[in-house]
PDB file of N, CA and C in Angstrom:
ATOM      1  N   MET A   1       0.656  -1.132  -0.269  1.00  0.00           N
ATOM      2  CA  MET A   1      -0.024  -0.284   0.049  1.00  0.00           C
ATOM      3  C   MET A   1       1.026   1.116  -0.250  1.00  0.00           C
ATOM      4  N   SER A   2       0.459   1.890  -0.591  1.00  0.00           N
ATOM      5  CA  SER A   2       1.466   3.579  -0.917  1.00  0.00           C
ATOM      6  C   SER A   2       1.650   4.668   0.236  1.00  0.00           C
ATOM      7  N   LEU A   3       1.997   4.832   0.455  1.00  0.00           N
ATOM      8  CA  LEU A   3       2.020   6.625   1.293  1.00  0.00           C
ATOM      9  C   LEU A   3       0.726   6.986   1.749  1.00  0.00           C
ATOM     10  N   ASP A   4       0.467   7.550   0.343  1.00  0.00           N
ATOM     11  CA  ASP A   4      -0.649   8.231  -0.109  1.00  0.00           C
ATOM     12  C   ASP A   4      -1.785   7.275   0.484  1.00  0.00           C
ATOM     13  N   LEU A   5      -2.099   6.508   0.135  1.00  0.00           N
ATOM     14  CA  LEU A   5      -3.547   5.669   1.381  1.00  0.00           C
ATOM     15  C   LEU A   5      -3.614   6.148   2.462  1.00  0.00           C
ATOM     16  N   PHE A   6      -2.324   5.351   3.226  1.00  0.00           N
ATOM     17  CA  PHE A   6      -2.033   5.977   4.923  1.00  0.00           C
ATOM     18  C   PHE A   6      -2.139   6.979   4.990  1.00  0.00           C
ATOM     19  N   ARG A   7      -2.089   7.878   4.159  1.00  0.00           N
ATOM     20  CA  ARG A   7      -2.342   9.621   4.944  1.00  0.00           C
ATOM     21  C   ARG A   7      -3.698   9.633   4.142  1.00  0.00           C
ATOM     22  N   GLU A   8      -3.954   9.732   3.695  1.00  0.00           N
ATOM     23  CA  GLU A   8      -4.809   9.687   3.479  1.00  0.00           C
ATOM     24  C   GLU A   8      -6.437   8.743   4.450  1.00  0.00           C
ATOM     25  N   ILE A   9      -5.953   7.614   4.388  1.00  0.00           N
ATOM     26  CA  ILE A   9      -6.742   6.969   5.634  1.00  0.00           C
ATOM     27  C   ILE A   9      -6.545   7.577   7.062  1.00  0.00           C
ATOM     28  N   ARG A  10      -5.575   8.124   7.159  1.00  0.00           N
ATOM     29  CA  ARG A  10      -4.989   8.935   8.420  1.00  0.00           C
ATOM     30  C   ARG A  10      -5.982   9.815   8.641  1.00  0.00           C
ATOM     31  N   GLU A  11      -5.998  10.699   7.405  1.00  0.00           N
ATOM     32  CA  GLU A  11      -6.527  12.791   7.714  1.00  0.00           C
ATOM     33  C   GLU A  11      -8.050  11.813   7.666  1.00  0.00           C
ATOM     34  N   ALA A  12      -8.899  10.827   7.398  1.00  0.00           N
ATOM     35  CA  ALA A  12     -10.102  10.548   6.930  1.00  0.00           C
ATOM     36  C   ALA A  12     -10.203  10.464   8.687  1.00  0.00           C
ATOM     37  N   GLN A  13      -9.902   9.430   9.220  1.00  0.00           N
ATOM     38  CA  GLN A  13      -9.861   9.089  10.305  1.00  0.00           C
ATOM     39  C   GLN A  13     -10.321   9.960  11.262  1.00  0.00           C
ATOM     40  N   SER A  14      -8.810  11.123  11.246  1.00  0.00           N
ATOM     41  CA  SER A  14      -9.046  12.543  12.019  1.00  0.00           C
ATOM     42  C   SER A  14     -10.564  13.099  11.933  1.00  0.00           C
ATOM     43  N   ARG A  15     -10.928  13.700  10.531  1.00  0.00           N
ATOM     44  CA  ARG A  15     -11.997  13.759  10.444  1.00  0.00           C
ATOM     45  C   ARG A  15     -13.395  12.993  10.673  1.00  0.00           C
ATOM     46  N   GLY A  16     -13.307  11.758  11.006  1.00  0.00           N
ATOM     47  CA  GLY A  16     -14.592  10.903  10.818  1.00  0.00           C
ATOM     48  C   GLY A  16     -15.136  10.553   9.795  1.00  0.00           C
ATOM     49  N   GLU A  17     -14.403  10.689   8.664  1.00  0.00           N
ATOM     50  CA  GLU A  17     -14.945  10.081   7.336  1.00  0.00           C
ATOM     51  C   GLU A  17     -14.621   9.142   6.936  1.00  0.00           C
ATOM     52  N   ALA A  18     -15.615   8.579   6.043  1.00  0.00           N
ATOM     53  CA  ALA A  18     -15.642   7.326   6.100  1.00  0.00           C
ATOM     54  C   ALA A  18     -14.479   6.515   4.768  1.00  0.00           C
ATOM     55  N   ARG A  19     -13.951   5.636   4.632  1.00  0.00           N
ATOM     56  CA  ARG A  19     -12.730   5.071   3.661  1.00  0.00           C
ATOM     57  C   ARG A  19     -13.213   3.522   3.926  1.00  0.00           C
ATOM     58  N   VAL A  20     -13.173   2.705   2.904  1.00  0.00           N
ATOM     59  CA  VAL A  20     -13.197   1.337   2.897  1.00  0.00           C
ATOM     60  C   VAL A  20     -11.900   0.939   1.530  1.00  0.00           C
ATOM     61  N   LEU A  21     -10.951  -0.019   2.689  1.00  0.00           N
ATOM     62  CA  LEU A  21     -10.363  -0.505   1.945  1.00  0.00           C
ATOM     63  C   LEU A  21     -10.179  -1.830   1.184  1.00  0.00           C
ATOM     64  N   ALA A  22     -10.181  -1.940   0.059  1.00  0.00           N
ATOM     65  CA  ALA A  22      -9.730  -3.125  -0.598  1.00  0.00           C
ATOM     66  C   ALA A  22      -8.811  -3.749  -1.419  1.00  0.00           C
ATOM     67  N   THR A  23      -7.983  -4.650  -1.021  1.00  0.00           N
ATOM     68  CA  THR A  23      -6.701  -5.152  -0.936  1.00  0.00           C
ATOM     69  C   THR A  23      -7.040  -6.758  -1.407  1.00  0.00           C
ATOM     70  N   VAL A  24      -5.905  -6.929  -2.338  1.00  0.00           N
ATOM     71  CA  VAL A  24      -5.367  -7.901  -3.127  1.00  0.00           C
ATOM     72  C   VAL A  24      -4.627  -8.901  -1.645  1.00  0.00           C
ATOM     73  N   ALA A  25      -5.671  -9.808  -1.184  1.00  0.00           N
ATOM     74  CA  ALA A  25      -4.924 -10.974  -0.629  1.00  0.00           C
ATOM     75  C   ALA A  25      -4.321 -12.153  -0.678  1.00  0.00           C
ATOM     76  N   GLN A  26      -4.773 -12.824  -2.245  1.00  0.00           N
ATOM     77  CA  GLN A  26      -4.386 -13.740  -2.521  1.00  0.00           C
ATOM     78  C   GLN A  26      -4.839 -13.784  -4.115  1.00  0.00           C
ATOM     79  N   THR A  27      -3.500 -14.344  -4.872  1.00  0.00           N
ATOM     80  CA  THR A  27      -3.808 -14.197  -6.077  1.00  0.00           C
ATOM     81  C   THR A  27      -3.336 -15.497  -6.877  1.00  0.00           C
ATOM     82  N   MET A  28      -3.719 -16.126  -7.881  1.00  0.00           N
ATOM     83  CA  MET A  28      -3.250 -17.493  -8.454  1.00  0.00           C
ATOM     84  C   MET A  28      -3.320 -17.616 -10.087  1.00  0.00           C
ATOM     85  N   GLY A  29      -2.633 -17.978 -10.724  1.00  0.00           N
ATOM     86  CA  GLY A  29      -2.413 -17.700 -11.855  1.00  0.00           C
ATOM     87  C   GLY A  29      -1.840 -16.280 -12.290  1.00  0.00           C
ATOM     88  N   SER A  30      -2.891 -16.162 -13.279  1.00  0.00           N
ATOM     89  CA  SER A  30      -1.977 -14.688 -13.949  1.00  0.00           C
ATOM     90  C   SER A  30      -3.056 -13.384 -14.033  1.00  0.00           C
ATOM     91  N   THR A  31      -3.179 -12.653 -13.166  1.00  0.00           N
ATOM     92  CA  THR A  31      -3.581 -11.539 -12.365  1.00  0.00           C
ATOM     93  C   THR A  31      -2.876 -10.136 -12.696  1.00  0.00           C
ATOM     94  N   PRO A  32      -3.608  -9.230 -13.087  1.00  0.00           N
ATOM     95  CA  PRO A  32      -3.458  -7.754 -13.577  1.00  0.00           C
ATOM     96  C   PRO A  32      -2.472  -7.169 -11.951  1.00  0.00           C
ATOM     97  N   ARG A  33      -2.685  -7.746 -11.059  1.00  0.00           N
ATOM     98  CA  ARG A  33      -1.937  -7.064  -9.921  1.00  0.00           C
ATOM     99  C   ARG A  33      -1.783  -8.233  -8.507  1.00  0.00           C
ATOM    100  N   LYS A  34      -0.511  -8.636  -7.593  1.00  0.00           N
ATOM    101  CA  LYS A  34      -0.374  -9.585  -6.925  1.00  0.00           C
ATOM    102  C   LYS A  34      -0.627  -8.953  -5.502  1.00  0.00           C
ATOM    103  N   ALA A  35      -0.647  -9.293  -4.717  1.00  0.00           N
ATOM    104  CA  ALA A  35      -0.682  -9.675  -3.185  1.00  0.00           C
ATOM    105  C   ALA A  35      -0.482  -8.328  -2.677  1.00  0.00           C
ATOM    106  N   GLY A  36      -1.130  -7.216  -1.826  1.00  0.00           N
ATOM    107  CA  GLY A  36      -1.068  -6.436  -1.085  1.00  0.00           C
ATOM    108  C   GLY A  36      -1.482  -4.898  -2.301  1.00  0.00           C
ATOM    109  N   ALA A  37      -1.697  -5.257  -3.477  1.00  0.00           N
ATOM    110  CA  ALA A  37      -2.079  -4.367  -4.239  1.00  0.00           C
ATOM    111  C   ALA A  37      -3.643  -3.668  -3.338  1.00  0.00           C
ATOM    112  N   SER A  38      -4.429  -2.526  -3.426  1.00  0.00           N
ATOM    113  CA  SER A  38      -4.653  -1.811  -3.035  1.00  0.00           C
ATOM    114  C   SER A  38      -5.389  -0.888  -3.126  1.00  0.00           C
ATOM    115  N   LEU A  39      -6.792  -0.129  -3.150  1.00  0.00           N
ATOM    116  CA  LEU A  39      -7.643   0.284  -3.602  1.00  0.00           C
ATOM    117  C   LEU A  39      -8.768   1.085  -2.456  1.00  0.00           C
ATOM    118  N   LEU A  40      -8.778   2.561  -2.197  1.00  0.00           N
ATOM    119  CA  LEU A  40      -9.502   3.204  -1.417  1.00  0.00           C
ATOM    120  C   LEU A  40     -10.228   3.858  -1.876  1.00  0.00           C
ATOM    121  N   LEU A  41     -11.110   3.748  -1.274  1.00  0.00           N
ATOM    122  CA  LEU A  41     -12.988   3.771  -1.713  1.00  0.00           C
ATOM    123  C   LEU A  41     -13.491   5.162  -0.596  1.00  0.00           C
ATOM    124  N   ARG A  42     -13.852   6.101  -1.700  1.00  0.00           N
ATOM    125  CA  ARG A  42     -14.296   7.247  -0.342  1.00  0.00           C
ATOM    126  C   ARG A  42     -16.084   7.089  -0.650  1.00  0.00           C
ATOM    127  N   PRO A  43     -16.394   8.142  -0.208  1.00  0.00           N
ATOM    128  CA  PRO A  43     -18.175   7.816  -0.179  1.00  0.00           C
ATOM    129  C   PRO A  43     -19.094   7.698  -1.122  1.00  0.00           C
ATOM    130  N   ASP A  44     -18.366   9.252  -1.646  1.00  0.00           N
ATOM    131  CA  ASP A  44     -18.544   9.555  -3.492  1.00  0.00           C
ATOM    132  C   ASP A  44     -18.126   8.432  -4.174  1.00  0.00           C
ATOM    133  N   GLY A  45     -17.859   7.553  -4.080  1.00  0.00           N
ATOM    134  CA  GLY A  45     -17.630   6.367  -5.107  1.00  0.00           C
ATOM    135  C   GLY A  45     -16.458   6.628  -6.019  1.00  0.00           C
ATOM    136  N   THR A  46     -15.856   7.760  -5.177  1.00  0.00           N
ATOM    137  CA  THR A  46     -14.482   7.953  -6.737  1.00  0.00           C
ATOM    138  C   THR A  46     -13.160   6.875  -5.199  1.00  0.00           C
ATOM    139  N   PHE A  47     -12.160   6.774  -6.247  1.00  0.00           N
ATOM    140  CA  PHE A  47     -10.866   6.168  -4.970  1.00  0.00           C
ATOM    141  C   PHE A  47      -9.957   6.712  -5.741  1.00  0.00           C
ATOM    142  N   THR A  48      -8.776   5.499  -4.888  1.00  0.00           N
ATOM    143  CA  THR A  48      -7.671   5.860  -5.415  1.00  0.00           C
ATOM    144  C   THR A  48      -6.919   4.500  -5.303  1.00  0.00           C
ATOM    145  N   GLY A  49      -5.952   4.634  -6.234  1.00  0.00           N
ATOM    146  CA  GLY A  49      -4.877   3.083  -6.362  1.00  0.00           C
ATOM    147  C   GLY A  49      -6.017   2.254  -6.765  1.00  0.00           C
ATOM    148  N   THR A  50      -5.375   1.064  -6.786  1.00  0.00           N
ATOM    149  CA  THR A  50      -6.159   0.072  -8.083  1.00  0.00           C
ATOM    150  C   THR A  50      -5.954  -1.303  -7.855  1.00  0.00           C
ATOM    151  N   ILE A  51      -6.696  -2.151  -7.941  1.00  0.00           N
ATOM    152  CA  ILE A  51      -5.746  -3.602  -7.711  1.00  0.00           C
ATOM    153  C   ILE A  51      -6.797  -4.812  -9.183  1.00  0.00           C
ATOM    154  N   GLY A  52      -5.837  -3.300 -10.423  1.00  0.00           N
ATOM    155  CA  GLY A  52      -5.957  -4.142 -11.640  1.00  0.00           C
ATOM    156  C   GLY A  52      -6.998  -3.783 -12.454  1.00  0.00           C
ATOM    157  N   GLY A  53      -8.239  -3.086 -12.658  1.00  0.00           N
ATOM    158  CA  GLY A  53      -8.820  -2.409 -13.387  1.00  0.00           C
ATOM    159  C   GLY A  53      -9.554  -2.755 -14.144  1.00  0.00           C
ATOM    160  N   GLY A  54     -10.254  -2.841 -15.026  1.00  0.00           N
ATOM    161  CA  GLY A  54     -11.333  -3.549 -15.370  1.00  0.00           C
ATOM    162  C   GLY A  54     -12.625  -4.105 -14.991  1.00  0.00           C
ATOM    163  N   CYS A  55     -13.067  -5.064 -15.296  1.00  0.00           N
ATOM    164  CA  CYS A  55     -14.345  -6.071 -14.968  1.00  0.00           C
ATOM    165  C   CYS A  55     -14.180  -6.062 -13.473  1.00  0.00           C
ATOM    166  N   GLY A  56     -13.282  -7.076 -13.080  1.00  0.00           N
ATOM    167  CA  GLY A  56     -12.761  -7.444 -11.696  1.00  0.00           C
ATOM    168  C   GLY A  56     -12.700  -6.113 -11.208  1.00  0.00           C
ATOM    169  N   GLU A  57     -11.807  -4.984 -11.062  1.00  0.00           N
ATOM    170  CA  GLU A  57     -11.810  -3.832 -10.473  1.00  0.00           C
ATOM    171  C   GLU A  57     -13.470  -3.199 -10.133  1.00  0.00           C
ATOM    172  N   ALA A  58     -14.393  -3.115 -11.016  1.00  0.00           N
ATOM    173  CA  ALA A  58     -15.572  -2.854 -11.046  1.00  0.00           C
ATOM    174  C   ALA A  58     -16.651  -3.599 -10.074  1.00  0.00           C
ATOM    175  N   GLU A  59     -15.790  -4.914 -10.249  1.00  0.00           N
ATOM    176  CA  GLU A  59     -16.894  -6.269  -9.202  1.00  0.00           C
ATOM    177  C   GLU A  59     -16.836  -5.600  -7.644  1.00  0.00           C
ATOM    178  N   VAL A  60     -15.206  -5.491  -7.337  1.00  0.00           N
ATOM    179  CA  VAL A  60     -15.262  -5.272  -6.315  1.00  0.00           C
ATOM    180  C   VAL A  60     -15.730  -3.849  -5.806  1.00  0.00           C
ATOM    181  N   TRP A  61     -15.053  -2.689  -6.539  1.00  0.00           N
ATOM    182  CA  TRP A  61     -15.945  -1.433  -6.100  1.00  0.00           C
ATOM    183  C   TRP A  61     -17.338  -1.496  -5.631  1.00  0.00           C
ATOM    184  N   GLN A  62     -18.570  -2.400  -6.390  1.00  0.00           N
ATOM    185  CA  GLN A  62     -19.563  -2.389  -6.260  1.00  0.00           C
ATOM    186  C   GLN A  62     -19.711  -2.925  -4.670  1.00  0.00           C
ATOM    187  N   GLU A  63     -18.951  -3.800  -4.431  1.00  0.00           N
ATOM    188  CA  GLU A  63     -18.792  -4.476  -2.512  1.00  0.00           C
ATOM    189  C   GLU A  63     -18.243  -3.918  -1.863  1.00  0.00           C
ATOM    190  N   ALA A  64     -17.362  -2.821  -2.659  1.00  0.00           N
ATOM    191  CA  ALA A  64     -16.776  -2.113  -1.389  1.00  0.00           C
ATOM    192  C   ALA A  64     -17.552  -0.978  -1.307  1.00  0.00           C
ATOM    193  N   MET A  65     -18.660  -0.444  -2.449  1.00  0.00           N
ATOM    194  CA  MET A  65     -19.876   0.245  -1.601  1.00  0.00           C
ATOM    195  C   MET A  65     -20.863  -0.134  -0.723  1.00  0.00           C
ATOM    196  N   GLU A  66     -21.241  -1.177  -0.668  1.00  0.00           N
ATOM    197  CA  GLU A  66     -21.885  -1.902  -0.079  1.00  0.00           C
ATOM    198  C   GLU A  66     -21.391  -2.191   1.629  1.00  0.00           C
ATOM    199  N   THR A  67     -20.012  -2.303   1.462  1.00  0.00           N
ATOM    200  CA  THR A  67     -19.187  -2.281   3.342  1.00  0.00           C
ATOM    201  C   THR A  67     -18.965  -0.847   3.100  1.00  0.00           C
ATOM    202  N   MET A  68     -19.538   0.294   2.551  1.00  0.00           N
ATOM    203  CA  MET A  68     -19.311   1.460   2.691  1.00  0.00           C
ATOM    204  C   MET A  68     -20.557   1.913   3.493  1.00  0.00           C
ATOM    205  N   GLN A  69     -21.460   1.060   3.026  1.00  0.00           N
ATOM    206  CA  GLN A  69     -23.396   1.208   3.831  1.00  0.00           C
ATOM    207  C   GLN A  69     -23.045   0.729   4.900  1.00  0.00           C
ATOM    208  N   ASP A  70     -22.962  -0.752   4.544  1.00  0.00           N
ATOM    209  CA  ASP A  70     -23.036  -1.933   5.781  1.00  0.00           C
ATOM    210  C   ASP A  70     -21.959  -1.572   7.145  1.00  0.00           C
ATOM    211  N   GLY A  71     -20.990  -1.589   6.316  1.00  0.00           N
ATOM    212  CA  GLY A  71     -19.444  -1.526   7.699  1.00  0.00           C
ATOM    213  C   GLY A  71     -18.982  -2.967   7.963  1.00  0.00           C
ATOM    214  N   ARG A  72     -19.726  -4.114   6.860  1.00  0.00           N
ATOM    215  CA  ARG A  72     -19.326  -5.458   6.937  1.00  0.00           C
ATOM    216  C   ARG A  72     -18.526  -5.742   6.006  1.00  0.00           C
ATOM    217  N   PRO A  73     -16.905  -6.733   6.491  1.00  0.00           N
ATOM    218  CA  PRO A  73     -15.971  -6.721   5.766  1.00  0.00           C
ATOM    219  C   PRO A  73     -16.719  -7.884   5.106  1.00  0.00           C
ATOM    220  N   ARG A  74     -16.176  -7.671   3.742  1.00  0.00           N
ATOM    221  CA  ARG A  74     -16.270  -8.836   3.318  1.00  0.00           C
ATOM    222  C   ARG A  74     -15.080  -9.604   1.999  1.00  0.00           C
ATOM    223  N   THR A  75     -14.854 -10.636   1.658  1.00  0.00           N
ATOM    224  CA  THR A  75     -13.935 -11.046   0.637  1.00  0.00           C
ATOM    225  C   THR A  75     -14.626 -11.261  -0.715  1.00  0.00           C
ATOM    226  N   VAL A  76     -14.064 -10.686  -1.630  1.00  0.00           N
ATOM    227  CA  VAL A  76     -14.492 -11.066  -3.279  1.00  0.00           C
ATOM    228  C   VAL A  76     -13.987 -11.947  -4.207  1.00  0.00           C
ATOM    229  N   VAL A  77     -13.902 -12.708  -4.559  1.00  0.00           N
ATOM    230  CA  VAL A  77     -13.130 -13.573  -5.571  1.00  0.00           C
ATOM    231  C   VAL A  77     -13.359 -12.938  -6.995  1.00  0.00           C
ATOM    232  N   VAL A  78     -12.515 -12.676  -7.358  1.00  0.00           N
ATOM    233  CA  VAL A  78     -12.120 -12.034  -8.691  1.00  0.00           C
ATOM    234  C   VAL A  78     -11.978 -13.741  -9.563  1.00  0.00           C
ATOM    235  N   ASP A  79     -12.264 -14.119 -10.604  1.00  0.00           N
ATOM    236  CA  ASP A  79     -12.160 -14.950 -11.299  1.00  0.00           C
ATOM    237  C   ASP A  79     -11.981 -14.510 -12.723  1.00  0.00           C
ATOM    238  N   LEU A  80     -10.910 -14.722 -12.977  1.00  0.00           N
ATOM    239  CA  LEU A  80     -10.046 -14.013 -14.577  1.00  0.00           C
ATOM    240  C   LEU A  80     -10.105 -15.228 -15.271  1.00  0.00           C
ATOM    241  N   THR A  81     -10.368 -16.541 -15.167  1.00  0.00           N
ATOM    242  CA  THR A  81     -10.334 -17.839 -15.757  1.00  0.00           C
ATOM    243  C   THR A  81     -10.947 -18.063 -17.166  1.00  0.00           C
ATOM    244  N   GLU A  82     -12.066 -17.335 -17.167  1.00  0.00           N
ATOM    245  CA  GLU A  82     -12.691 -17.550 -18.108  1.00  0.00           C
ATOM    246  C   GLU A  82     -13.325 -16.783 -18.731  1.00  0.00           C
ATOM    247  N   PRO A  83     -12.514 -16.903 -20.784  1.00  0.00           N
ATOM    248  CA  PRO A  83     -12.769 -16.007 -21.772  1.00  0.00           C
ATOM    249  C   PRO A  83     -14.028 -15.045 -21.387  1.00  0.00           C
ATOM    250  N   VAL A  84     -14.203 -13.777 -21.777  1.00  0.00           N
ATOM    251  CA  VAL A  84     -14.617 -13.303 -22.108  1.00  0.00           C
ATOM    252  C   VAL A  84     -14.330 -11.893 -23.115  1.00  0.00           C
ATOM    253  N   GLU A  85     -15.802 -11.351 -23.813  1.00  0.00           N
ATOM    254  CA  GLU A  85     -15.160 -10.582 -24.235  1.00  0.00           C
ATOM    255  C   GLU A  85     -14.809  -9.207 -24.013  1.00  0.00           C
ATOM    256  N   GLY A  86     -14.047  -8.588 -24.872  1.00  0.00           N
ATOM    257  CA  GLY A  86     -13.697  -7.338 -24.533  1.00  0.00           C
ATOM    258  C   GLY A  86     -12.142  -7.320 -24.451  1.00  0.00           C
ATOM    259  N   ASP A  87     -11.087  -6.090 -24.139  1.00  0.00           N
ATOM    260  CA  ASP A  87     -10.103  -6.042 -24.398  1.00  0.00           C
ATOM    261  C   ASP A  87      -9.378  -5.646 -23.195  1.00  0.00           C
ATOM    262  N   ASP A  88     -10.312  -5.464 -21.758  1.00  0.00           N
ATOM    263  CA  ASP A  88      -9.626  -4.967 -20.830  1.00  0.00           C
ATOM    264  C   ASP A  88      -9.895  -6.357 -20.118  1.00  0.00           C
ATOM    265  N   LYS A  89      -9.716  -7.610 -20.227  1.00  0.00           N
ATOM    266  CA  LYS A  89      -9.656  -8.707 -19.653  1.00  0.00           C
ATOM    267  C   LYS A  89      -8.490  -9.769 -19.520  1.00  0.00           C
ATOM    268  N   ILE A  90      -7.825  -9.904 -18.613  1.00  0.00           N
ATOM    269  CA  ILE A  90      -7.054 -10.607 -18.734  1.00  0.00           C
ATOM    270  C   ILE A  90      -7.470 -12.096 -17.836  1.00  0.00           C
ATOM    271  N   CYS A  91      -7.161 -13.491 -18.557  1.00  0.00           N
ATOM    272  CA  CYS A  91      -8.048 -14.334 -18.573  1.00  0.00           C
ATOM    273  C   CYS A  91      -6.699 -15.398 -17.724  1.00  0.00           C
ATOM    274  N   GLY A  92      -7.074 -16.139 -16.706  1.00  0.00           N
ATOM    275  CA  GLY A  92      -6.253 -16.782 -16.353  1.00  0.00           C
ATOM    276  C   GLY A  92      -5.772 -17.355 -15.046  1.00  0.00           C
ATOM    277  N   GLY A  93      -5.967 -16.081 -14.202  1.00  0.00           N
ATOM    278  CA  GLY A  93      -5.906 -16.121 -12.828  1.00  0.00           C
ATOM    279  C   GLY A  93      -7.144 -15.678 -11.875  1.00  0.00           C
ATOM    280  N   ILE A  94      -7.072 -15.789 -10.659  1.00  0.00           N
ATOM    281  CA  ILE A  94      -7.913 -15.543  -9.627  1.00  0.00           C
ATOM    282  C   ILE A  94      -7.653 -15.104  -8.583  1.00  0.00           C
ATOM    283  N   MET A  95      -8.315 -13.630  -8.464  1.00  0.00           N
ATOM    284  CA  MET A  95      -7.856 -13.112  -7.194  1.00  0.00           C
ATOM    285  C   MET A  95      -8.487 -12.768  -5.704  1.00  0.00           C
ATOM    286  N   HIS A  96      -8.226 -12.514  -4.434  1.00  0.00           N
ATOM    287  CA  HIS A  96      -8.979 -12.700  -3.860  1.00  0.00           C
ATOM    288  C   HIS A  96      -9.233 -11.062  -3.313  1.00  0.00           C
ATOM    289  N   VAL A  97      -9.967 -10.914  -3.233  1.00  0.00           N
ATOM    290  CA  VAL A  97      -9.767  -9.541  -2.475  1.00  0.00           C
ATOM    291  C   VAL A  97     -10.541  -8.845  -1.578  1.00  0.00           C
ATOM    292  N   PHE A  98      -9.808  -8.630   0.049  1.00  0.00           N
ATOM    293  CA  PHE A  98     -10.200  -8.234   1.295  1.00  0.00           C
ATOM    294  C   PHE A  98     -11.137  -7.022   1.520  1.00  0.00           C
ATOM    295  N   ILE A  99     -11.631  -6.887   1.799  1.00  0.00           N
ATOM    296  CA  ILE A  99     -12.677  -5.209   1.755  1.00  0.00           C
ATOM    297  C   ILE A  99     -12.783  -4.943   3.227  1.00  0.00           C
ATOM    298  N   GLU A 100     -12.839  -3.740   3.537  1.00  0.00           N
ATOM    299  CA  GLU A 100     -12.845  -3.484   5.272  1.00  0.00           C
ATOM    300  C   GLU A 100     -12.929  -2.583   5.370  1.00  0.00           C
ATOM    301  N   ARG A 101     -13.655  -1.542   6.132  1.00  0.00           N
ATOM    302  CA  ARG A 101     -13.968  -0.338   6.661  1.00  0.00           C
ATOM    303  C   ARG A 101     -12.924   0.181   7.644  1.00  0.00           C
ATOM    304  N   VAL A 102     -12.357   0.911   7.187  1.00  0.00           N
ATOM    305  CA  VAL A 102     -10.743   1.792   7.548  1.00  0.00           C
ATOM    306  C   VAL A 102     -10.683   3.105   7.883  1.00  0.00           C
ATOM    307  N   ALA A 103     -11.967   3.667   8.170  1.00  0.00           N
ATOM    308  CA  ALA A 103     -12.587   4.868   8.629  1.00  0.00           C
ATOM    309  C   ALA A 103     -14.026   5.244   8.602  1.00  0.00           C
ATOM    310  N   GLY A 104     -13.932   6.314   9.615  1.00  0.00           N
ATOM    311  CA  GLY A 104     -15.625   6.342   9.545  1.00  0.00           C
ATOM    312  C   GLY A 104     -16.386   5.745  10.105  1.00  0.00           C
TER     313      GLY A 104
END
């Protein structure tokens, strides 16, 4: 996780603002990012960082918005092993992404 993410988490905590952190916990096979890659979500849906982009990141974003609302941590399995249409797909791997509310 980058220093910028840590800084934003610390500042959000001091202001009582919500943030949700999505972190790649485990990968198998070919994935766009490896364990430790993080995305920090704000209440308005904007974010900083990346866990790989494309449809996999969109799936994680949606689950992170749920965590923003209910505060419950969750793990999302992003399966990139099935060939799908589009140029933004990287096939061949699986990512387990842990999502948790870290501020607010």
